[in-house]
Amino acid sequence: PSPASPPPLLPPQLPPPSPPPFVLITPIAATMHSTYNLAGHDFSASKCIDGITGNADGWNFCMSDVNVDDPWLSLEVAPGSALGEVRVYAREDCCQHRLSPFEVWLSGAPGP
């Protein structure tokens, strides 16, 4: 009997290409439909773009007025910015359910 022939050689498999590096685009302005008002605390839209995602002091978040229909937040980025990903962070200490549901829209104009 003759020996079995060896299996054919397959070409080497290349790994998939790496995704492009994540580049943070810093918004230059933020506005929202309304801001919750509590003496001594800043809940303005600027808190949404300050780069701080933790809430160690318990007060570092933006917040709209309560019981408002269809609240919105508008972020302005530099002209010509290329957006490939949007990251949204909820509060860490409580109230994560208040963020849902939400939508992300891309537009050339501020506001809803």
Protein backbone atom coordinates (compact mmCIF):
# COMPACT_ATOMS: atom_id res chain seq x y z
CA PRO A 1 0.00 0.00 0.00
CA SER A 2 1.19 3.53 -0.77
CA PRO A 3 1.39 6.13 2.01
CA ALA A 4 -1.37 8.76 2.17
CA SER A 5 -0.43 12.05 0.60
CA PRO A 6 0.02 14.97 3.02
CA PRO A 7 -2.78 17.55 3.25
CA PRO A 8 -2.33 20.62 1.02
CA LEU A 9 -0.64 23.62 2.59
CA LEU A 10 -2.91 26.58 3.20
CA PRO A 11 -1.72 30.15 2.71
CA PRO A 12 -0.93 31.96 5.95
CA GLN A 13 -3.88 33.78 7.49
CA LEU A 14 -3.35 37.47 8.16
CA PRO A 15 -4.88 39.03 11.28
CA PRO A 16 -7.75 41.44 10.66
CA PRO A 17 -6.73 45.07 10.34
CA SER A 18 -6.66 47.08 13.55
CA PRO A 19 -9.37 49.69 14.02
CA PRO A 20 -8.22 53.28 13.76
CA PRO A 21 -7.06 54.75 17.06
CA PHE A 22 -9.71 56.38 19.23
CA VAL A 23 -9.31 60.14 19.09
CA LEU A 24 -11.32 62.20 21.51
CA ILE A 25 -13.01 65.17 19.87
CA THR A 26 -13.54 67.85 22.46
CA PRO A 27 -16.87 69.59 22.08
CA ILE A 28 -16.51 73.36 22.10
CA ALA A 29 -20.00 74.17 23.36
CA ALA A 30 -22.98 72.45 24.93
CA THR A 31 -26.56 73.60 25.35
CA MET A 32 -29.63 71.86 26.70
CA HIS A 33 -33.33 72.64 26.70
CA SER A 34 -33.37 73.41 30.44
CA THR A 35 -31.14 73.07 33.48
CA TYR A 36 -32.18 71.84 36.91
CA ASN A 37 -31.73 74.57 39.50
CA LEU A 38 -30.50 73.76 43.00
CA ALA A 39 -28.80 76.49 45.00
CA GLY A 40 -25.05 76.12 45.05
CA HIS A 41 -24.80 73.40 42.39
CA ASP A 42 -24.03 73.59 38.70
CA PHE A 43 -25.96 71.06 36.60
CA SER A 44 -25.46 72.94 33.34
CA ALA A 45 -24.70 71.41 29.95
CA SER A 46 -21.00 72.24 30.41
CA LYS A 47 -20.88 69.35 32.91
CA CYS A 48 -21.69 66.99 30.04
CA ILE A 49 -18.50 67.85 28.18
CA ASP A 50 -15.96 68.42 30.95
CA GLY A 51 -14.31 65.01 30.40
CA ILE A 52 -15.10 63.80 33.92
CA THR A 53 -17.09 60.57 33.76
CA GLY A 54 -16.90 59.76 37.47
CA ASN A 55 -19.09 61.27 40.14
CA ALA A 56 -16.83 61.12 43.19
CA ASP A 57 -18.13 64.37 44.67
CA GLY A 58 -21.78 63.46 44.03
CA TRP A 59 -22.51 66.61 42.01
CA ASN A 60 -20.59 66.26 38.74
CA PHE A 61 -23.31 65.77 36.13
CA CYS A 62 -25.63 67.76 33.91
CA MET A 63 -29.33 67.56 34.66
CA SER A 64 -32.41 68.97 33.01
CA ASP A 65 -35.49 70.18 34.80
CA VAL A 66 -37.61 67.35 36.12
CA ASN A 67 -40.83 66.18 34.45
CA VAL A 68 -39.97 67.72 31.09
CA ASP A 69 -41.14 66.09 27.88
CA ASP A 70 -38.42 65.34 25.32
CA PRO A 71 -35.36 66.90 27.00
CA TRP A 72 -32.38 67.40 24.70
CA LEU A 73 -28.68 68.17 24.82
CA SER A 74 -26.81 69.68 21.88
CA LEU A 75 -23.02 69.47 21.53
CA GLU A 76 -21.04 71.59 19.09
CA VAL A 77 -17.77 70.24 17.71
CA ALA A 78 -15.20 71.96 15.54
CA PRO A 79 -16.14 72.23 11.85
CA GLY A 80 -14.77 69.32 9.84
CA SER A 81 -14.65 66.93 12.81
CA ALA A 82 -15.05 63.31 11.82
CA LEU A 83 -17.24 61.36 14.25
CA GLY A 84 -16.91 57.59 14.33
CA GLU A 85 -18.26 56.87 17.80
CA VAL A 86 -20.31 58.63 20.45
CA ARG A 87 -19.92 57.61 24.10
CA VAL A 88 -22.63 58.41 26.62
CA TYR A 89 -21.98 57.95 30.34
CA ALA A 90 -24.69 57.73 32.99
CA ARG A 91 -24.25 58.73 36.61
CA GLU A 92 -22.37 56.14 38.64
CA ASP A 93 -24.04 56.69 42.01
CA CYS A 94 -27.72 56.39 41.06
CA CYS A 95 -30.44 57.18 38.58
CA GLN A 96 -29.04 55.31 35.56
CA HIS A 97 -32.61 54.55 34.47
CA ARG A 98 -33.19 58.26 33.82
CA LEU A 99 -30.91 58.11 30.80
CA SER A 100 -33.13 55.60 29.01
CA PRO A 101 -34.43 55.83 26.42
CA PHE A 102 -32.22 58.26 24.56
CA GLU A 103 -31.28 58.94 20.96
CA VAL A 104 -28.15 60.34 19.32
CA TRP A 105 -28.70 62.55 16.29
CA LEU A 106 -26.04 64.11 14.10
CA SER A 107 -26.89 67.43 12.52
CA GLY A 108 -25.36 70.57 11.16
CA ALA A 109 -27.57 72.75 13.37
CA PRO A 110 -27.81 73.09 17.16
CA GLY A 111 -30.83 71.97 19.13
CA PRO A 112 -33.39 69.23 18.59
